[in-house]
Amino acid sequence: MLKLNRVHHIAIICSDYQISRHFYTGILGLEIVGEVYREERDSYKLDLKVGDQYQIELFSFPHPPERPSRPEASGLRHLAFEVDDLDASKALLEEHGVSVEPVRVDEFTGKRFTFFADPDGLPLELYEK
């Protein structure tokens, strides 16, 4: 049987690099680990630190095809981030003009959560610790 140690990274392809770069660093506050422009591909790769264990790789490519994400298309459903204070996190997103759904409660864990989207409509979740 295969032994997987942990999730190494999550790769996201964006349609507008500068807008997504600002969203993930300036609004979500992810720390930049490294940034590379690959001229032969006309593509950026931005490595972002999420906590002490995970990393997001943000890629740009010229004219990437759109991916259906709603309602409940097959494939990746959403990416969830754990936060200490859901209300403060939601308020901060809204201060930056990000539309955030009403807070819900997970019927199994009793934890509060909400959804919002990145600039390309990728569903993102905030899940309270």
Foldseek 3Di string as FASTA:
>chain_A
DDDDDDDAEAEDEDADVVQLVCCVCVQVNWAWPDWDQDVVQRKIWTWTDQPPHYIYTYMYGHPDDADDQPDVDPDDNAAEHEDADPVVSVVSCVVVVWDKDDWDADPVPRWIKTWTAGPSRGIYMYTYD
